[in-house]
C-alpha atoms as a PDB file:
ATOM      1  CA  MET A   1     -61.700 -26.119  65.056  1.00  0.00           C
ATOM      2  CA  ARG A   2     -61.744 -29.195  62.967  1.00  0.00           C
ATOM      3  CA  LYS A   3     -61.811 -28.922  58.780  1.00  0.00           C
ATOM      4  CA  ASP A   4     -64.807 -30.550  57.633  1.00  0.00           C
ATOM      5  CA  ALA A   5     -66.613 -28.561  60.475  1.00  0.00           C
ATOM      6  CA  ALA A   6     -64.977 -25.315  59.527  1.00  0.00           C
ATOM      7  CA  VAL A   7     -68.244 -24.213  57.097  1.00  0.00           C
ATOM      8  CA  ALA A   8     -71.527 -23.670  58.025  1.00  0.00           C
ATOM      9  CA  ASP A   9     -73.616 -24.915  55.312  1.00  0.00           C
ATOM     10  CA  ASP A  10     -76.988 -25.968  55.062  1.00  0.00           C
ATOM     11  CA  ARG A  11     -75.667 -28.130  52.738  1.00  0.00           C
ATOM     12  CA  PRO A  12     -74.435 -31.686  52.824  1.00  0.00           C
ATOM     13  CA  HIS A  13     -71.072 -32.005  52.910  1.00  0.00           C
ATOM     14  CA  GLY A  14     -69.981 -32.306  48.923  1.00  0.00           C
ATOM     15  CA  ALA A  15     -72.780 -31.146  47.696  1.00  0.00           C
ATOM     16  CA  ARG A  16     -73.036 -28.354  45.239  1.00  0.00           C
ATOM     17  CA  GLN A  17     -75.189 -26.290  43.846  1.00  0.00           C
ATOM     18  CA  ARG A  18     -76.302 -26.263  40.182  1.00  0.00           C
ATOM     19  CA  GLY A  19     -73.740 -25.251  37.119  1.00  0.00           C
ATOM     20  CA  GLU A  20     -70.758 -25.237  40.247  1.00  0.00           C
ATOM     21  CA  PRO A  21     -68.140 -26.412  38.913  1.00  0.00           C
ATOM     22  CA  PRO A  22     -66.458 -29.765  40.682  1.00  0.00           C
ATOM     23  CA  PRO A  23     -64.495 -28.826  43.500  1.00  0.00           C
ATOM     24  CA  SER A  24     -60.439 -29.730  43.324  1.00  0.00           C
ATOM     25  CA  PRO A  25     -60.253 -32.344  46.287  1.00  0.00           C
ATOM     26  CA  SER A  26     -56.664 -30.738  47.398  1.00  0.00           C
ATOM     27  CA  VAL A  27     -57.673 -27.234  46.934  1.00  0.00           C
ATOM     28  CA  VAL A  28     -61.300 -27.473  48.499  1.00  0.00           C
ATOM     29  CA  PRO A  29     -60.708 -27.831  52.464  1.00  0.00           C
ATOM     30  CA  ASP A  30     -57.904 -25.496  52.749  1.00  0.00           C
ATOM     31  CA  GLU A  31     -60.665 -22.634  50.742  1.00  0.00           C
ATOM     32  CA  GLU A  32     -63.784 -23.705  53.252  1.00  0.00           C
ATOM     33  CA  LEU A  33     -61.030 -23.287  55.977  1.00  0.00           C
ATOM     34  CA  MET A  34     -60.244 -20.004  54.887  1.00  0.00           C
ATOM     35  CA  ARG A  35     -63.656 -19.031  54.061  1.00  0.00           C
ATOM     36  CA  ALA A  36     -65.086 -19.880  57.717  1.00  0.00           C
ATOM     37  CA  LEU A  37     -61.706 -18.015  59.309  1.00  0.00           C
ATOM     38  CA  TYR A  38     -62.684 -15.079  58.047  1.00  0.00           C
ATOM     39  CA  ARG A  39     -66.201 -15.396  58.314  1.00  0.00           C
ATOM     40  CA  GLU A  40     -66.100 -16.188  62.045  1.00  0.00           C
ATOM     41  CA  HIS A  41     -62.997 -14.135  63.204  1.00  0.00           C
ATOM     42  CA  ALA A  42     -62.129 -11.500  60.801  1.00  0.00           C
ATOM     43  CA  GLY A  43     -64.561  -9.076  62.267  1.00  0.00           C
ATOM     44  CA  PRO A  44     -63.529  -9.256  66.012  1.00  0.00           C
ATOM     45  CA  LEU A  45     -60.222  -8.996  65.037  1.00  0.00           C
ATOM     46  CA  THR A  46     -59.778  -6.344  62.825  1.00  0.00           C
ATOM     47  CA  ALA A  47     -61.853  -4.511  65.932  1.00  0.00           C
ATOM     48  CA  TYR A  48     -59.152  -5.305  68.029  1.00  0.00           C
ATOM     49  CA  VAL A  49     -56.152  -5.019  65.629  1.00  0.00           C
ATOM     50  CA  LEU A  50     -57.825  -1.261  65.025  1.00  0.00           C
ATOM     51  CA  ARG A  51     -57.199  -0.801  69.098  1.00  0.00           C
ATOM     52  CA  LEU A  52     -53.522  -1.844  68.661  1.00  0.00           C
ATOM     53  CA  VAL A  53     -52.896   0.168  65.775  1.00  0.00           C
ATOM     54  CA  ALA A  54     -54.884   3.458  66.790  1.00  0.00           C
ATOM     55  CA  GLY A  55     -57.078   3.138  64.567  1.00  0.00           C
ATOM     56  CA  ASP A  56     -54.886   3.132  61.185  1.00  0.00           C
ATOM     57  CA  ARG A  57     -57.610   1.072  59.257  1.00  0.00           C
ATOM     58  CA  GLN A  58     -55.073  -0.142  56.611  1.00  0.00           C
ATOM     59  CA  ARG A  59     -52.511  -1.487  59.404  1.00  0.00           C
ATOM     60  CA  ALA A  60     -54.802  -3.314  60.733  1.00  0.00           C
ATOM     61  CA  GLU A  61     -56.733  -4.827  57.730  1.00  0.00           C
ATOM     62  CA  ASP A  62     -53.201  -5.633  56.719  1.00  0.00           C
ATOM     63  CA  VAL A  63     -52.453  -7.288  60.667  1.00  0.00           C
ATOM     64  CA  VAL A  64     -56.037  -9.221  60.190  1.00  0.00           C
ATOM     65  CA  GLN A  65     -54.681 -10.614  56.596  1.00  0.00           C
ATOM     66  CA  GLU A  66     -51.223 -11.592  57.626  1.00  0.00           C
ATOM     67  CA  THR A  67     -52.884 -13.693  60.924  1.00  0.00           C
ATOM     68  CA  LEU A  68     -55.221 -15.716  58.824  1.00  0.00           C
ATOM     69  CA  ILE A  69     -52.398 -16.164  56.160  1.00  0.00           C
ATOM     70  CA  ARG A  70     -50.738 -18.089  59.135  1.00  0.00           C
ATOM     71  CA  ALA A  71     -53.712 -19.775  60.364  1.00  0.00           C
ATOM     72  CA  TRP A  72     -54.352 -21.022  56.416  1.00  0.00           C
ATOM     73  CA  LYS A  73     -50.463 -22.034  56.869  1.00  0.00           C
ATOM     74  CA  ASN A  74     -50.583 -24.192  60.084  1.00  0.00           C
ATOM     75  CA  ALA A  75     -54.176 -25.469  59.296  1.00  0.00           C
ATOM     76  CA  GLY A  76     -52.963 -28.812  59.799  1.00  0.00           C
ATOM     77  CA  SER A  77     -51.988 -28.110  63.735  1.00  0.00           C
ATOM     78  CA  LEU A  78     -55.478 -25.869  63.935  1.00  0.00           C
ATOM     79  CA  GLY A  79     -57.373 -28.346  62.468  1.00  0.00           C
ATOM     80  CA  GLY A  80     -56.862 -30.993  65.159  1.00  0.00           C
ATOM     81  CA  ALA A  81     -57.132 -28.663  68.068  1.00  0.00           C
ATOM     82  CA  THR A  82     -59.943 -28.522  70.286  1.00  0.00           C
ATOM     83  CA  GLY A  83     -61.763 -25.358  71.261  1.00  0.00           C
ATOM     84  CA  SER A  84     -61.721 -22.250  69.635  1.00  0.00           C
ATOM     85  CA  VAL A  85     -58.681 -20.605  67.629  1.00  0.00           C
ATOM     86  CA  ARG A  86     -59.626 -17.007  68.053  1.00  0.00           C
ATOM     87  CA  PRO A  87     -57.307 -17.063  71.529  1.00  0.00           C
ATOM     88  CA  TRP A  88     -54.480 -18.387  68.798  1.00  0.00           C
ATOM     89  CA  LEU A  89     -55.080 -15.007  66.111  1.00  0.00           C
ATOM     90  CA  VAL A  90     -55.768 -12.760  68.914  1.00  0.00           C
ATOM     91  CA  THR A  91     -51.711 -13.753  69.675  1.00  0.00           C
ATOM     92  CA  VAL A  92     -50.785 -14.216  66.650  1.00  0.00           C
ATOM     93  CA  ALA A  93     -52.207 -10.551  65.905  1.00  0.00           C
ATOM     94  CA  ARG A  94     -50.780  -9.523  68.600  1.00  0.00           C
ATOM     95  CA  ARG A  95     -47.126 -10.224  68.068  1.00  0.00           C
ATOM     96  CA  ILE A  96     -47.385  -9.241  64.217  1.00  0.00           C
ATOM     97  CA  VAL A  97     -48.554  -5.635  65.625  1.00  0.00           C
ATOM     98  CA  ILE A  98     -45.277  -5.716  68.382  1.00  0.00           C
ATOM     99  CA  ASP A  99     -43.027  -7.152  65.509  1.00  0.00           C
ATOM    100  CA  GLY A 100     -44.087  -4.285  63.443  1.00  0.00           C
ATOM    101  CA  HIS A 101     -43.713  -1.821  65.867  1.00  0.00           C
ATOM    102  CA  ARG A 102     -40.105  -3.354  66.633  1.00  0.00           C
ATOM    103  CA  SER A 103     -38.848  -3.252  63.526  1.00  0.00           C
ATOM    104  CA  ARG A 104     -40.051   0.662  62.747  1.00  0.00           C
ATOM    105  CA  ARG A 105     -38.096   1.396  65.581  1.00  0.00           C
ATOM    106  CA  ALA A 106     -35.405  -0.319  64.612  1.00  0.00           C
ATOM    107  CA  ARG A 107     -34.923   1.166  61.196  1.00  0.00           C
ATOM    108  CA  PRO A 108     -33.344   4.955  60.460  1.00  0.00           C
ATOM    109  CA  HIS A 109     -36.667   7.126  60.196  1.00  0.00           C
ATOM    110  CA  GLU A 110     -37.593   7.383  56.529  1.00  0.00           C
ATOM    111  CA  VAL A 111     -37.518  10.608  54.943  1.00  0.00           C
ATOM    112  CA  GLU A 112     -39.944  11.402  52.185  1.00  0.00           C
ATOM    113  CA  PRO A 113     -38.583  12.487  49.022  1.00  0.00           C
ATOM    114  CA  SER A 114     -39.910  15.797  48.365  1.00  0.00           C
ATOM    115  CA  PRO A 115     -37.560  17.747  50.910  1.00  0.00           C
ATOM    116  CA  LEU A 116     -34.577  15.830  49.871  1.00  0.00           C
ATOM    117  CA  GLU A 117     -35.498  17.361  46.375  1.00  0.00           C
ATOM    118  CA  ALA A 118     -35.295  21.029  47.924  1.00  0.00           C
ATOM    119  CA  ILE A 119     -31.821  20.769  48.812  1.00  0.00           C
ATOM    120  CA  PRO A 120     -29.730  22.287  46.291  1.00  0.00           C
ATOM    121  CA  ALA A 121     -26.035  20.378  46.879  1.00  0.00           C
ATOM    122  CA  GLN A 122     -26.488  18.945  43.183  1.00  0.00           C
ATOM    123  CA  ASP A 123     -27.015  22.605  41.652  1.00  0.00           C
ATOM    124  CA  GLU A 124     -23.842  24.179  43.957  1.00  0.00           C
ATOM    125  CA  ILE A 125     -21.779  21.128  42.782  1.00  0.00           C
ATOM    126  CA  ASP A 126     -22.666  22.169  39.219  1.00  0.00           C
ATOM    127  CA  ARG A 127     -22.283  25.808  39.861  1.00  0.00           C
ATOM    128  CA  ALA A 128     -19.151  25.923  42.175  1.00  0.00           C
ATOM    129  CA  LEU A 129     -17.494  23.738  38.797  1.00  0.00           C
ATOM    130  CA  TRP A 130     -18.946  25.645  36.256  1.00  0.00           C
ATOM    131  CA  LEU A 131     -17.090  28.980  38.407  1.00  0.00           C
ATOM    132  CA  MET A 132     -13.453  27.364  38.581  1.00  0.00           C
ATOM    133  CA  THR A 133     -13.677  26.586  34.584  1.00  0.00           C
ATOM    134  CA  LEU A 134     -14.480  29.818  33.980  1.00  0.00           C
ATOM    135  CA  SER A 135     -11.903  31.311  36.757  1.00  0.00           C
ATOM    136  CA  GLU A 136      -9.583  29.084  34.623  1.00  0.00           C
ATOM    137  CA  ALA A 137     -10.583  30.309  31.586  1.00  0.00           C
ATOM    138  CA  LEU A 138     -10.592  34.252  32.494  1.00  0.00           C
ATOM    139  CA  GLY A 139      -6.960  33.343  34.062  1.00  0.00           C
ATOM    140  CA  ASP A 140      -5.682  32.489  30.362  1.00  0.00           C
ATOM    141  CA  LEU A 141      -6.799  35.927  29.212  1.00  0.00           C
ATOM    142  CA  THR A 142      -4.191  38.700  28.779  1.00  0.00           C
ATOM    143  CA  PRO A 143      -4.660  41.221  31.583  1.00  0.00           C
ATOM    144  CA  ALA A 144      -5.988  43.725  28.993  1.00  0.00           C
ATOM    145  CA  HIS A 145      -9.213  41.519  28.288  1.00  0.00           C
ATOM    146  CA  ARG A 146      -9.940  40.300  31.168  1.00  0.00           C
ATOM    147  CA  GLU A 147     -10.084  43.535  32.576  1.00  0.00           C
ATOM    148  CA  ALA A 148     -12.560  44.429  29.782  1.00  0.00           C
ATOM    149  CA  LEU A 149     -14.773  41.526  30.524  1.00  0.00           C
ATOM    150  CA  VAL A 150     -14.791  41.994  34.240  1.00  0.00           C
ATOM    151  CA  GLU A 151     -16.001  45.418  33.750  1.00  0.00           C
ATOM    152  CA  THR A 152     -18.497  44.642  31.487  1.00  0.00           C
ATOM    153  CA  TYR A 153     -19.852  41.605  32.229  1.00  0.00           C
ATOM    154  CA  PHE A 154     -18.987  40.518  36.532  1.00  0.00           C
ATOM    155  CA  ARG A 155     -19.457  44.061  37.639  1.00  0.00           C
ATOM    156  CA  GLY A 156     -22.418  45.201  35.272  1.00  0.00           C
ATOM    157  CA  ARG A 157     -21.266  48.313  33.843  1.00  0.00           C
ATOM    158  CA  THR A 158     -21.837  49.608  30.209  1.00  0.00           C
ATOM    159  CA  VAL A 159     -19.205  49.891  27.970  1.00  0.00           C
ATOM    160  CA  ASN A 160     -18.924  53.900  27.832  1.00  0.00           C
ATOM    161  CA  GLU A 161     -18.766  53.328  32.123  1.00  0.00           C
ATOM    162  CA  ALA A 162     -16.292  50.423  31.311  1.00  0.00           C
ATOM    163  CA  ALA A 163     -14.402  52.782  29.257  1.00  0.00           C
ATOM    164  CA  GLU A 164     -14.008  55.438  31.827  1.00  0.00           C
ATOM    165  CA  ALA A 165     -13.047  53.692  34.534  1.00  0.00           C
ATOM    166  CA  LEU A 166     -10.326  52.046  33.039  1.00  0.00           C
ATOM    167  CA  GLY A 167      -9.294  54.949  30.976  1.00  0.00           C
ATOM    168  CA  ILE A 168      -9.806  54.036  27.675  1.00  0.00           C
ATOM    169  CA  PRO A 169     -11.820  54.603  24.559  1.00  0.00           C
ATOM    170  CA  SER A 170     -15.378  52.953  24.315  1.00  0.00           C
ATOM    171  CA  GLY A 171     -14.501  51.572  20.810  1.00  0.00           C
ATOM    172  CA  THR A 172     -11.110  49.716  22.699  1.00  0.00           C
ATOM    173  CA  VAL A 173     -13.937  48.359  25.125  1.00  0.00           C
ATOM    174  CA  ARG A 174     -16.219  47.009  22.698  1.00  0.00           C
ATOM    175  CA  SER A 175     -12.790  44.820  20.990  1.00  0.00           C
ATOM    176  CA  ARG A 176     -11.237  44.056  23.763  1.00  0.00           C
ATOM    177  CA  VAL A 177     -14.563  42.809  24.904  1.00  0.00           C
ATOM    178  CA  PHE A 178     -14.994  40.762  21.835  1.00  0.00           C
ATOM    179  CA  TYR A 179     -11.611  39.294  21.533  1.00  0.00           C
ATOM    180  CA  ALA A 180     -12.250  37.842  25.139  1.00  0.00           C
ATOM    181  CA  LEU A 181     -15.486  36.548  24.528  1.00  0.00           C
ATOM    182  CA  ARG A 182     -13.842  34.967  21.462  1.00  0.00           C
ATOM    183  CA  SER A 183     -11.174  33.271  23.813  1.00  0.00           C
ATOM    184  CA  MET A 184     -13.327  32.245  26.275  1.00  0.00           C
ATOM    185  CA  LYS A 185     -15.415  30.743  24.194  1.00  0.00           C
ATOM    186  CA  LEU A 186     -12.359  28.715  22.440  1.00  0.00           C
ATOM    187  CA  VAL A 187     -10.590  27.938  25.614  1.00  0.00           C
ATOM    188  CA  LEU A 188     -14.364  26.298  27.144  1.00  0.00           C
ATOM    189  CA  GLU A 189     -15.247  24.107  23.729  1.00  0.00           C
ATOM    190  CA  GLU A 190     -11.558  22.747  24.354  1.00  0.00           C
ATOM    191  CA  ARG A 191     -12.702  21.814  27.981  1.00  0.00           C
ATOM    192  CA  GLY A 192     -15.512  20.323  26.737  1.00  0.00           C
ATOM    193  CA  ILE A 193     -17.844  23.067  28.298  1.00  0.00           C
ATOM    194  CA  THR A 194     -20.156  24.639  25.580  1.00  0.00           C
ATOM    195  CA  ALA A 195     -21.546  28.296  26.370  1.00  0.00           C
END
């Protein structure tokens, strides 16, 4: 296909329609070539590529676009060619599809971000760090204060149930829980953790 025969138009070469701006000499032949290639070959090429990509329309259109861009970049060698350019376009399109298939097989399978968001790894790490800090803070309490706090907060007992389990009056349990919480708060603040 030759550049000067690329546009099938009724107008004489170089003629313009009324109101049409004058063409830039360096751009027009390439634009005309691309339009002619698209008009003549895009439809059949798209149908061919659709069969290659199992009906994936978006992918087929991308392959056809890439094929036509390569034809435009090689316009100099195509312009002097005799006969139809379609076999060259079909070969290029087929190679683009093959290259795309090979590159997808060579790369690891891409994972959607949604399953990764469901993995509780970040929360589990934060929770484990929090429990370690809490355990260290509990270790800093006196045994009496720690017992009262464990019975009420960690075992979920009421003050009266904790008093009965520990064998001390309920007022003493309240007092020990109060001072244990105050002490824990100070220890956690010292370690940069706000409760």
